[in-house]
Amino acid sequence: MGHGRPETEKTHKNTDGVIAVEQIDASTLAGENRSDTDASPELERRSYRLIGMSCASCARSIETTLQATLGVRSVTVNYASEKAVVELDPSQLTDDDVVAAIRSAG
């Protein structure tokens, strides 16, 4: 039932008192709006569990920080579900980069 969506679970330990981040899903996007001549990279949609956000303004700060990060095409952060969904170019951005950006948002 994976439909090209490999389930992964990579946890980044919360050792410094900031939000704990856990990658819970990764999938390759099908390039639905790309032409055959489009040389743009293959993007991936990755979901991260954000444990410890204290308010909706934290979610907005994380979202703004990630949107400004090189390699991120889109991002949605949901405070209620403690989840971030990031569409990114894996050739420009690693999970560790995403975690560092989230933690830098405060």
N, C-alpha and C. Protein backbone atom coordinates (compact mmCIF):
# COMPACT_ATOMS: atom_id res chain seq x y z
N MET A 1 0.81 -1.20 0.00
CA MET A 1 0.00 0.00 0.00
C MET A 1 0.85 1.25 0.00
N GLY A 2 2.15 1.14 -0.27
CA GLY A 2 3.04 2.28 -0.20
C GLY A 2 2.85 3.27 -1.32
N HIS A 3 2.45 2.84 -2.51
CA HIS A 3 2.25 3.72 -3.65
C HIS A 3 3.44 4.65 -3.84
N GLY A 4 4.66 4.12 -3.80
CA GLY A 4 5.83 4.95 -4.02
C GLY A 4 6.16 5.85 -2.85
N ARG A 5 5.61 5.60 -1.68
CA ARG A 5 5.82 6.45 -0.53
C ARG A 5 6.54 5.66 0.55
N PRO A 6 7.88 5.67 0.49
CA PRO A 6 8.59 4.89 1.50
C PRO A 6 8.40 5.48 2.89
N GLU A 7 8.02 4.64 3.82
CA GLU A 7 7.86 5.09 5.21
C GLU A 7 9.24 5.10 5.86
N THR A 8 9.57 6.20 6.48
CA THR A 8 10.83 6.30 7.19
C THR A 8 10.56 6.86 8.56
N GLU A 9 11.43 6.58 9.46
CA GLU A 9 11.30 7.17 10.78
C GLU A 9 12.69 7.49 11.27
N LYS A 10 13.03 8.76 11.23
CA LYS A 10 14.35 9.22 11.61
C LYS A 10 14.14 10.26 12.70
N THR A 11 14.63 9.98 13.86
CA THR A 11 14.41 10.87 14.99
C THR A 11 15.66 11.67 15.28
N HIS A 12 15.48 12.95 15.51
CA HIS A 12 16.57 13.82 15.92
C HIS A 12 16.36 14.09 17.40
N LYS A 13 17.30 13.68 18.20
CA LYS A 13 17.18 13.78 19.65
C LYS A 13 17.05 15.23 20.10
N ASN A 14 16.21 15.44 21.07
CA ASN A 14 16.00 16.76 21.65
C ASN A 14 16.95 16.93 22.83
N THR A 15 18.18 17.34 22.53
CA THR A 15 19.19 17.43 23.57
C THR A 15 19.40 18.85 24.08
N ASP A 16 18.82 19.83 23.42
CA ASP A 16 19.08 21.21 23.81
C ASP A 16 17.82 21.96 24.22
N GLY A 17 16.76 21.26 24.55
CA GLY A 17 15.56 21.89 25.05
C GLY A 17 14.68 22.53 24.00
N VAL A 18 14.97 22.32 22.73
CA VAL A 18 14.12 22.87 21.68
C VAL A 18 13.24 21.78 21.11
N ILE A 19 12.48 22.12 20.12
CA ILE A 19 11.52 21.19 19.53
C ILE A 19 12.22 19.92 19.05
N ALA A 20 11.65 18.79 19.38
CA ALA A 20 12.13 17.51 18.85
C ALA A 20 11.49 17.32 17.49
N VAL A 21 12.26 16.85 16.53
CA VAL A 21 11.79 16.70 15.17
C VAL A 21 11.97 15.26 14.75
N GLU A 22 10.94 14.69 14.15
CA GLU A 22 10.98 13.30 13.72
C GLU A 22 10.41 13.23 12.31
N GLN A 23 11.19 12.73 11.36
CA GLN A 23 10.67 12.55 10.01
C GLN A 23 9.76 11.35 10.03
N ILE A 24 8.52 11.53 9.59
CA ILE A 24 7.56 10.44 9.66
C ILE A 24 7.15 9.91 8.30
N ASP A 25 7.46 10.63 7.23
CA ASP A 25 7.07 10.16 5.91
C ASP A 25 7.89 10.90 4.87
N ALA A 26 8.23 10.21 3.80
CA ALA A 26 8.90 10.84 2.67
C ALA A 26 8.32 10.25 1.40
N SER A 27 8.06 11.09 0.43
CA SER A 27 7.56 10.58 -0.85
C SER A 27 8.12 11.45 -1.96
N THR A 28 8.34 10.83 -3.12
CA THR A 28 8.80 11.55 -4.29
C THR A 28 7.57 12.08 -5.01
N LEU A 29 7.62 13.35 -5.37
CA LEU A 29 6.50 13.95 -6.08
C LEU A 29 6.57 13.58 -7.54
N ALA A 30 5.44 13.38 -8.14
CA ALA A 30 5.36 12.88 -9.51
C ALA A 30 5.59 13.94 -10.56
N GLY A 31 5.90 15.16 -10.21
CA GLY A 31 6.16 16.20 -11.20
C GLY A 31 4.97 16.45 -12.10
N GLU A 32 3.80 16.52 -11.50
CA GLU A 32 2.56 16.59 -12.27
C GLU A 32 2.48 17.78 -13.22
N ASN A 33 3.17 18.87 -12.93
CA ASN A 33 3.11 20.05 -13.78
C ASN A 33 4.40 20.27 -14.56
N ARG A 34 5.22 19.23 -14.67
CA ARG A 34 6.49 19.37 -15.36
C ARG A 34 6.40 18.80 -16.77
N SER A 35 7.03 19.49 -17.72
CA SER A 35 7.08 18.97 -19.08
C SER A 35 8.31 18.09 -19.22
N ASP A 36 8.40 17.34 -20.33
CA ASP A 36 9.55 16.46 -20.55
C ASP A 36 10.84 17.24 -20.70
N THR A 37 10.75 18.50 -21.11
CA THR A 37 11.96 19.30 -21.29
C THR A 37 12.33 20.08 -20.04
N ASP A 38 11.51 20.01 -19.02
CA ASP A 38 11.76 20.71 -17.77
C ASP A 38 12.94 20.06 -17.05
N ALA A 39 13.97 20.85 -16.78
CA ALA A 39 15.16 20.30 -16.15
C ALA A 39 15.13 20.48 -14.63
N SER A 40 14.00 20.85 -14.08
CA SER A 40 13.94 21.07 -12.64
C SER A 40 14.10 19.75 -11.91
N PRO A 41 14.66 19.81 -10.71
CA PRO A 41 14.95 18.58 -9.97
C PRO A 41 13.69 17.88 -9.49
N GLU A 42 13.84 16.61 -9.18
CA GLU A 42 12.74 15.85 -8.60
C GLU A 42 12.61 16.26 -7.14
N LEU A 43 11.42 16.62 -6.77
CA LEU A 43 11.17 17.08 -5.41
C LEU A 43 10.63 15.95 -4.56
N GLU A 44 10.80 16.09 -3.26
CA GLU A 44 10.23 15.14 -2.32
C GLU A 44 9.37 15.90 -1.33
N ARG A 45 8.31 15.24 -0.89
CA ARG A 45 7.45 15.80 0.16
C ARG A 45 7.77 14.99 1.42
N ARG A 46 8.19 15.69 2.45
CA ARG A 46 8.55 15.02 3.70
C ARG A 46 7.73 15.59 4.84
N SER A 47 7.30 14.72 5.72
CA SER A 47 6.52 15.13 6.89
C SER A 47 7.39 14.99 8.13
N TYR A 48 7.30 15.97 9.00
CA TYR A 48 8.06 15.97 10.24
C TYR A 48 7.12 16.20 11.41
N ARG A 49 7.29 15.44 12.47
CA ARG A 49 6.53 15.65 13.69
C ARG A 49 7.31 16.64 14.54
N LEU A 50 6.65 17.69 14.97
CA LEU A 50 7.28 18.73 15.78
C LEU A 50 6.72 18.61 17.19
N ILE A 51 7.53 18.15 18.10
CA ILE A 51 7.07 17.90 19.45
C ILE A 51 7.54 19.03 20.35
N GLY A 52 6.60 19.73 20.96
CA GLY A 52 6.97 20.77 21.91
C GLY A 52 6.69 22.19 21.48
N MET A 53 5.96 22.38 20.38
CA MET A 53 5.59 23.76 20.01
C MET A 53 4.65 24.29 21.07
N SER A 54 4.89 25.51 21.52
CA SER A 54 4.09 26.04 22.61
C SER A 54 2.95 26.95 22.17
N CYS A 55 2.96 27.39 20.90
CA CYS A 55 1.87 28.28 20.45
C CYS A 55 1.81 28.31 18.92
N ALA A 56 0.73 28.84 18.40
CA ALA A 56 0.55 28.94 16.96
C ALA A 56 1.57 29.88 16.34
N SER A 57 2.05 30.83 17.09
CA SER A 57 3.06 31.74 16.57
C SER A 57 4.38 31.01 16.33
N CYS A 58 4.66 29.96 17.11
CA CYS A 58 5.84 29.12 16.87
C CYS A 58 5.71 28.44 15.50
N ALA A 59 4.53 27.94 15.20
CA ALA A 59 4.29 27.28 13.92
C ALA A 59 4.53 28.25 12.78
N ARG A 60 4.04 29.47 12.92
CA ARG A 60 4.23 30.49 11.87
C ARG A 60 5.70 30.85 11.71
N SER A 61 6.43 30.94 12.80
CA SER A 61 7.85 31.26 12.75
C SER A 61 8.63 30.14 12.04
N ILE A 62 8.30 28.90 12.35
CA ILE A 62 8.95 27.76 11.70
C ILE A 62 8.64 27.76 10.20
N GLU A 63 7.38 28.01 9.87
CA GLU A 63 6.96 28.03 8.47
C GLU A 63 7.71 29.12 7.70
N THR A 64 7.80 30.32 8.27
CA THR A 64 8.50 31.43 7.62
C THR A 64 9.98 31.12 7.42
N THR A 65 10.61 30.54 8.44
CA THR A 65 12.02 30.18 8.36
C THR A 65 12.26 29.14 7.27
N LEU A 66 11.43 28.12 7.23
CA LEU A 66 11.60 27.07 6.22
C LEU A 66 11.34 27.59 4.81
N GLN A 67 10.37 28.49 4.65
CA GLN A 67 10.08 29.04 3.33
C GLN A 67 11.27 29.82 2.78
N ALA A 68 12.09 30.38 3.66
CA ALA A 68 13.25 31.15 3.24
C ALA A 68 14.50 30.28 3.06
N THR A 69 14.38 28.98 3.27
CA THR A 69 15.52 28.07 3.20
C THR A 69 15.71 27.57 1.77
N LEU A 70 16.96 27.69 1.27
CA LEU A 70 17.30 27.23 -0.06
C LEU A 70 16.98 25.74 -0.21
N GLY A 71 16.27 25.39 -1.27
CA GLY A 71 15.91 24.00 -1.51
C GLY A 71 14.49 23.66 -1.12
N VAL A 72 13.82 24.57 -0.39
CA VAL A 72 12.42 24.34 0.01
C VAL A 72 11.51 24.99 -1.03
N ARG A 73 10.59 24.19 -1.56
CA ARG A 73 9.62 24.72 -2.52
C ARG A 73 8.35 25.20 -1.82
N SER A 74 7.88 24.41 -0.85
CA SER A 74 6.71 24.82 -0.08
C SER A 74 6.75 24.17 1.29
N VAL A 75 6.02 24.75 2.22
CA VAL A 75 5.97 24.22 3.58
C VAL A 75 4.65 24.58 4.23
N THR A 76 4.12 23.65 5.01
CA THR A 76 2.94 23.89 5.81
C THR A 76 3.21 23.35 7.20
N VAL A 77 3.01 24.19 8.21
CA VAL A 77 3.19 23.77 9.60
C VAL A 77 1.84 23.87 10.29
N ASN A 78 1.44 22.78 10.95
CA ASN A 78 0.17 22.75 11.65
C ASN A 78 0.43 22.62 13.15
N TYR A 79 0.06 23.65 13.90
CA TYR A 79 0.30 23.66 15.34
C TYR A 79 -0.50 22.56 16.05
N ALA A 80 -1.77 22.40 15.68
CA ALA A 80 -2.64 21.44 16.36
C ALA A 80 -2.15 20.00 16.20
N SER A 81 -1.68 19.65 15.02
CA SER A 81 -1.21 18.28 14.79
C SER A 81 0.29 18.12 15.03
N GLU A 82 0.96 19.20 15.36
CA GLU A 82 2.42 19.20 15.58
C GLU A 82 3.14 18.56 14.40
N LYS A 83 2.81 19.04 13.19
CA LYS A 83 3.36 18.43 11.98
C LYS A 83 3.77 19.50 10.98
N ALA A 84 4.90 19.26 10.32
CA ALA A 84 5.34 20.11 9.21
C ALA A 84 5.43 19.24 7.97
N VAL A 85 4.91 19.74 6.86
CA VAL A 85 5.03 19.05 5.58
C VAL A 85 5.87 19.97 4.70
N VAL A 86 7.01 19.44 4.24
CA VAL A 86 7.96 20.24 3.49
C VAL A 86 8.18 19.60 2.12
N GLU A 87 8.01 20.39 1.08
CA GLU A 87 8.30 19.95 -0.28
C GLU A 87 9.68 20.52 -0.61
N LEU A 88 10.64 19.63 -0.89
CA LEU A 88 12.02 20.09 -1.03
C LEU A 88 12.78 19.36 -2.12
N ASP A 89 13.90 19.95 -2.50
CA ASP A 89 14.83 19.35 -3.45
C ASP A 89 15.90 18.64 -2.63
N PRO A 90 15.90 17.30 -2.61
CA PRO A 90 16.84 16.57 -1.77
C PRO A 90 18.30 16.73 -2.19
N SER A 91 18.54 17.25 -3.40
CA SER A 91 19.92 17.49 -3.82
C SER A 91 20.47 18.78 -3.20
N GLN A 92 19.59 19.61 -2.64
CA GLN A 92 20.01 20.87 -2.02
C GLN A 92 19.85 20.88 -0.51
N LEU A 93 19.05 19.97 0.03
CA LEU A 93 18.66 20.05 1.43
C LEU A 93 18.53 18.65 2.03
N THR A 94 19.14 18.45 3.19
CA THR A 94 19.04 17.17 3.88
C THR A 94 18.06 17.30 5.04
N ASP A 95 17.72 16.18 5.65
CA ASP A 95 16.87 16.22 6.84
C ASP A 95 17.54 17.02 7.96
N ASP A 96 18.85 16.87 8.09
CA ASP A 96 19.57 17.62 9.12
C ASP A 96 19.47 19.13 8.88
N ASP A 97 19.47 19.55 7.60
CA ASP A 97 19.30 20.97 7.27
C ASP A 97 17.91 21.46 7.69
N VAL A 98 16.89 20.63 7.44
CA VAL A 98 15.52 20.99 7.82
C VAL A 98 15.43 21.12 9.34
N VAL A 99 16.00 20.17 10.05
CA VAL A 99 15.99 20.20 11.51
C VAL A 99 16.70 21.45 12.02
N ALA A 100 17.85 21.77 11.45
CA ALA A 100 18.59 22.96 11.87
C ALA A 100 17.78 24.22 11.63
N ALA A 101 17.07 24.30 10.50
CA ALA A 101 16.24 25.47 10.21
C ALA A 101 15.09 25.58 11.20
N ILE A 102 14.47 24.45 11.52
CA ILE A 102 13.37 24.45 12.49
C ILE A 102 13.87 24.92 13.86
N ARG A 103 15.00 24.40 14.27
CA ARG A 103 15.53 24.79 15.57
C ARG A 103 15.98 26.24 15.61
N SER A 104 16.46 26.76 14.47
CA SER A 104 16.90 28.15 14.43
C SER A 104 15.72 29.12 14.52
N ALA A 105 14.52 28.62 14.20
CA ALA A 105 13.33 29.47 14.26
C ALA A 105 12.96 29.79 15.72
N GLY A 106 13.51 29.02 16.63
CA GLY A 106 13.27 29.27 18.05
C GLY A 106 12.10 28.57 18.53
